[in-house]
């Protein structure tokens, strides 16, 4: 009876002396990781397509390439600055010809774009399995940096299309993949909007074009890949 009483009181102290097993110290791994760096920069490249307008003289898109810079503002919100070019072609249209025979050649189209965007990350300042999906929206300006075309020189001055400059609006979505804490890859699918002016020659009453607008808002779409560095 005496042995049982001693054992009863000593048992708790004996349990405290037993080392913990590895299973007791295990932690459940999280799918989310904190993204510490606040800034990122990197080049992008990808195809872009664009509507050419009623008469078909607008740039049809091409290869979009440039550089984007981003800085984290607060929580899921970031600010981005994007500078790029769209290197492609456009049809040269002679409105004095009959329908179906108005394309007299192609010209280079080199459109420079400068815009600012806000990015909203669905995972905030964290990444889910190294992924951070987002949406973007913003606006800026598009400028024509194309050389003079030899085909345009054959047209009447009033028939020559000039891109000039236009408001450039953007909206899209994508995701970032963090290869390491500082290096990652980003994919964007973006819809864009710019306005093309119609040459005055297309409004000539003798051309018999009805309801010719002074300009047209036309949409484009692009899919780009960015290799970025964060700090």
Protein backbone atom coordinates (compact mmCIF):
# COMPACT_ATOMS: atom_id res chain seq x y z
CA UNK A 1 0.00 0.00 0.00
CA UNK A 2 2.90 2.32 0.88
CA UNK A 3 4.58 1.64 -2.52
CA UNK A 4 1.39 2.54 -4.40
CA UNK A 5 1.06 5.87 -2.58
CA UNK A 6 4.66 6.91 -3.38
CA UNK A 7 4.24 5.94 -7.00
CA UNK A 8 1.03 7.96 -7.22
CA UNK A 9 2.69 11.18 -6.02
CA UNK A 10 5.94 10.68 -8.00
CA UNK A 11 4.30 10.01 -11.36
CA UNK A 12 3.72 13.70 -12.33
CA UNK A 13 7.39 14.53 -11.71
CA UNK A 14 8.53 11.57 -13.77
CA UNK A 15 6.40 12.73 -16.69
CA UNK A 16 8.01 16.17 -16.61
CA UNK A 17 11.43 14.56 -17.00
CA UNK A 18 10.45 12.74 -20.24
CA UNK A 19 11.83 14.67 -23.30
CA UNK A 20 9.20 15.89 -25.82
CA UNK A 21 8.79 13.89 -29.01
CA UNK A 22 9.31 15.56 -32.43
CA UNK A 23 5.57 15.41 -33.08
CA UNK A 24 4.92 17.81 -30.20
CA UNK A 25 7.10 20.56 -31.78
CA UNK A 26 5.72 20.38 -35.34
CA UNK A 27 4.25 23.56 -36.90
CA UNK A 28 1.71 23.58 -39.72
CA UNK A 29 3.33 25.24 -42.78
CA UNK A 30 1.44 28.22 -44.26
CA UNK A 31 0.70 28.68 -47.96
CA UNK A 32 1.15 32.44 -47.51
CA UNK A 33 4.48 34.24 -47.31
CA UNK A 34 5.18 37.91 -46.54
CA UNK A 35 6.58 40.06 -49.39
CA UNK A 36 9.09 42.39 -47.73
CA UNK A 37 10.62 44.57 -50.54
CA UNK A 38 8.54 47.62 -51.49
CA UNK A 39 9.87 48.53 -54.97
CA UNK A 40 10.32 46.64 -58.22
CA UNK A 41 11.53 47.32 -61.76
CA UNK A 42 11.85 45.25 -64.90
CA UNK A 43 11.53 45.03 -68.69
CA UNK A 44 8.44 43.60 -70.39
CA UNK A 45 7.65 42.24 -73.84
CA UNK A 46 4.65 40.71 -75.61
CA UNK A 47 2.20 40.97 -78.52
CA UNK A 48 -0.43 43.68 -78.86
CA UNK A 49 -3.39 43.89 -81.23
CA UNK A 50 -5.49 46.99 -81.93
CA UNK A 51 -8.56 47.95 -83.89
CA UNK A 52 -7.76 50.02 -86.99
CA UNK A 53 -10.99 52.01 -87.26
CA UNK A 54 -13.76 52.35 -89.82
CA UNK A 55 -11.43 53.03 -92.75
CA UNK A 56 -8.57 50.82 -91.55
CA UNK A 57 -5.77 53.41 -91.41
CA UNK A 58 -4.96 52.98 -87.71
CA UNK A 59 -2.02 50.99 -86.26
CA UNK A 60 -2.95 47.31 -85.97
CA UNK A 61 -0.64 46.63 -83.03
CA UNK A 62 2.67 44.79 -83.03
CA UNK A 63 5.29 43.96 -80.43
CA UNK A 64 4.93 45.83 -77.13
CA UNK A 65 8.11 46.29 -75.12
CA UNK A 66 9.28 48.64 -72.40
CA UNK A 67 10.03 49.04 -68.71
CA UNK A 68 7.75 49.23 -65.68
CA UNK A 69 8.51 50.52 -62.18
CA UNK A 70 6.28 49.90 -59.15
CA UNK A 71 6.23 50.94 -55.49
CA UNK A 72 4.06 49.59 -52.69
CA UNK A 73 1.78 52.28 -51.23
CA UNK A 74 -0.38 50.76 -48.51
CA UNK A 75 -1.76 47.27 -47.99
CA UNK A 76 -2.80 45.80 -51.36
CA UNK A 77 -2.34 49.05 -53.34
CA UNK A 78 0.70 49.86 -55.50
CA UNK A 79 1.59 52.65 -57.93
CA UNK A 80 3.23 51.90 -61.29
CA UNK A 81 4.92 53.92 -64.01
CA UNK A 82 5.17 52.31 -67.47
CA UNK A 83 7.15 53.52 -70.51
CA UNK A 84 7.06 51.49 -73.70
CA UNK A 85 6.65 51.28 -77.45
CA UNK A 86 4.41 49.32 -79.78
CA UNK A 87 6.40 48.38 -82.87
CA UNK A 88 4.10 47.40 -85.74
CA UNK A 89 2.56 48.49 -89.02
CA UNK A 90 -0.50 50.24 -90.44
CA UNK A 91 -2.21 50.25 -93.82
CA UNK A 92 -1.92 53.39 -95.93
CA UNK A 93 -5.40 54.23 -97.24
CA UNK A 94 -6.23 56.31 -100.31
CA UNK A 95 -9.87 57.47 -99.89
CA UNK A 96 -9.97 58.55 -103.54
CA UNK A 97 -9.96 54.94 -104.73
CA UNK A 98 -12.93 52.60 -105.00
CA UNK A 99 -13.84 50.38 -102.07
CA UNK A 100 -11.74 47.24 -101.94
CA UNK A 101 -8.78 48.94 -103.64
CA UNK A 102 -7.94 51.69 -101.14
CA UNK A 103 -4.92 50.06 -99.49
CA UNK A 104 -1.84 51.29 -101.37
CA UNK A 105 0.82 49.90 -99.02
CA UNK A 106 1.99 49.55 -95.46
CA UNK A 107 3.85 51.96 -93.21
CA UNK A 108 5.80 51.46 -89.99
CA UNK A 109 3.94 52.32 -86.81
CA UNK A 110 6.05 53.05 -83.74
CA UNK A 111 3.79 54.24 -80.93
CA UNK A 112 5.37 55.40 -77.66
CA UNK A 113 3.22 55.01 -74.55
CA UNK A 114 3.76 56.65 -71.15
CA UNK A 115 1.22 55.91 -68.43
CA UNK A 116 0.67 55.58 -64.69
CA UNK A 117 -1.34 52.75 -63.15
CA UNK A 118 -2.68 51.61 -59.81
CA UNK A 119 -2.35 47.92 -58.98
CA UNK A 120 -4.56 46.11 -56.47
CA UNK A 121 -3.15 42.81 -55.20
CA UNK A 122 -5.68 40.24 -54.01
CA UNK A 123 -3.16 38.81 -51.52
CA UNK A 124 -2.07 42.20 -50.17
CA UNK A 125 1.57 42.29 -49.09
CA UNK A 126 1.68 38.50 -49.07
CA UNK A 127 1.98 35.81 -51.72
CA UNK A 128 0.02 32.57 -51.91
CA UNK A 129 2.33 29.73 -52.90
CA UNK A 130 4.62 32.45 -54.35
CA UNK A 131 1.75 33.83 -56.47
CA UNK A 132 0.18 37.29 -56.18
CA UNK A 133 -2.79 37.91 -58.55
CA UNK A 134 -3.83 41.51 -59.20
CA UNK A 135 -5.84 43.98 -61.27
CA UNK A 136 -4.51 47.23 -62.78
CA UNK A 137 -6.03 50.42 -64.17
CA UNK A 138 -4.66 53.79 -65.22
CA UNK A 139 -4.00 56.24 -68.01
CA UNK A 140 -1.42 58.31 -69.80
CA UNK A 141 -0.45 59.38 -73.31
CA UNK A 142 0.40 57.68 -76.61
CA UNK A 143 2.69 59.43 -79.11
CA UNK A 144 3.63 58.67 -82.70
CA UNK A 145 7.37 58.13 -83.22
CA UNK A 146 7.04 56.61 -86.71
CA UNK A 147 9.21 57.75 -89.64
CA UNK A 148 7.56 59.33 -92.68
CA UNK A 149 6.21 56.72 -95.10
CA UNK A 150 6.95 56.84 -98.82
CA UNK A 151 3.35 55.76 -99.46
CA UNK A 152 1.97 58.74 -97.54
CA UNK A 153 3.94 61.02 -99.87
CA UNK A 154 1.76 59.89 -102.79
CA UNK A 155 -1.47 61.02 -101.08
CA UNK A 156 -3.10 64.41 -100.96
CA UNK A 157 -2.16 66.27 -97.78
CA UNK A 158 -5.77 66.11 -96.53
CA UNK A 159 -5.79 62.31 -96.92
CA UNK A 160 -2.67 61.55 -94.88
CA UNK A 161 -3.28 59.87 -91.52
CA UNK A 162 -1.27 61.16 -88.57
CA UNK A 163 -1.49 59.48 -85.19
CA UNK A 164 -0.20 62.54 -83.36
CA UNK A 165 -0.88 62.14 -79.64
CA UNK A 166 -3.78 60.61 -77.75
CA UNK A 167 -4.98 59.75 -74.27
CA UNK A 168 -3.99 56.17 -73.46
CA UNK A 169 -6.23 54.29 -71.02
CA UNK A 170 -5.48 50.85 -69.56
CA UNK A 171 -7.23 48.19 -67.48
CA UNK A 172 -6.29 44.58 -66.95
CA UNK A 173 -5.31 41.70 -64.70
CA UNK A 174 -2.40 39.38 -64.10
CA UNK A 175 -0.25 37.67 -61.52
CA UNK A 176 3.29 37.78 -60.14
CA UNK A 177 5.36 34.70 -59.36
CA UNK A 178 8.16 35.26 -56.85
CA UNK A 179 11.04 32.98 -57.84
CA UNK A 180 13.02 34.37 -54.89
CA UNK A 181 12.40 37.19 -52.45
CA UNK A 182 13.85 39.72 -54.93
CA UNK A 183 13.43 38.18 -58.40
CA UNK A 184 10.15 37.24 -60.06
CA UNK A 185 8.13 36.89 -63.25
CA UNK A 186 4.92 38.76 -63.98
CA UNK A 187 2.20 38.16 -66.58
CA UNK A 188 -0.27 40.89 -67.66
CA UNK A 189 -3.35 40.82 -69.88
CA UNK A 190 -4.32 44.46 -70.52
CA UNK A 191 -7.07 46.17 -72.49
CA UNK A 192 -6.17 49.64 -73.78
CA UNK A 193 -7.92 52.58 -75.40
CA UNK A 194 -6.70 55.43 -77.63
CA UNK A 195 -8.26 57.91 -80.04
CA UNK A 196 -7.40 58.28 -83.72
CA UNK A 197 -8.20 61.45 -85.67
CA UNK A 198 -9.77 61.10 -89.14
CA UNK A 199 -7.99 62.95 -91.97
CA UNK A 200 -10.14 65.79 -93.29
CA UNK A 201 -10.04 64.34 -96.80
CA UNK A 202 -12.36 61.54 -95.73
CA UNK A 203 -15.08 64.14 -95.04
CA UNK A 204 -14.94 65.54 -98.59
CA UNK A 205 -18.54 65.48 -99.93
CA UNK A 206 -17.30 64.22 -103.28
CA UNK A 207 -16.04 61.05 -101.55
CA UNK A 208 -19.64 60.17 -100.53
CA UNK A 209 -18.65 58.78 -97.11
CA UNK A 210 -21.58 59.14 -94.71
CA UNK A 211 -21.34 60.29 -91.10
CA UNK A 212 -17.56 60.51 -90.99
CA UNK A 213 -16.45 61.13 -87.37
CA UNK A 214 -13.65 63.55 -86.51
CA UNK A 215 -12.08 60.79 -84.46
CA UNK A 216 -12.64 57.26 -83.19
CA UNK A 217 -11.94 55.64 -79.82
CA UNK A 218 -10.39 52.26 -80.53
CA UNK A 219 -9.47 49.44 -78.20
CA UNK A 220 -6.46 47.19 -78.09
CA UNK A 221 -5.28 44.21 -76.06
CA UNK A 222 -1.87 42.98 -75.03
CA UNK A 223 -0.31 40.02 -73.20
CA UNK A 224 3.12 40.74 -71.73
CA UNK A 225 5.74 39.03 -69.60
CA UNK A 226 7.92 41.01 -67.16
CA UNK A 227 11.11 39.87 -65.45
CA UNK A 228 11.39 42.06 -62.34
CA UNK A 229 13.80 42.79 -59.50
CA UNK A 230 12.64 43.96 -56.05
CA UNK A 231 14.39 45.89 -53.33
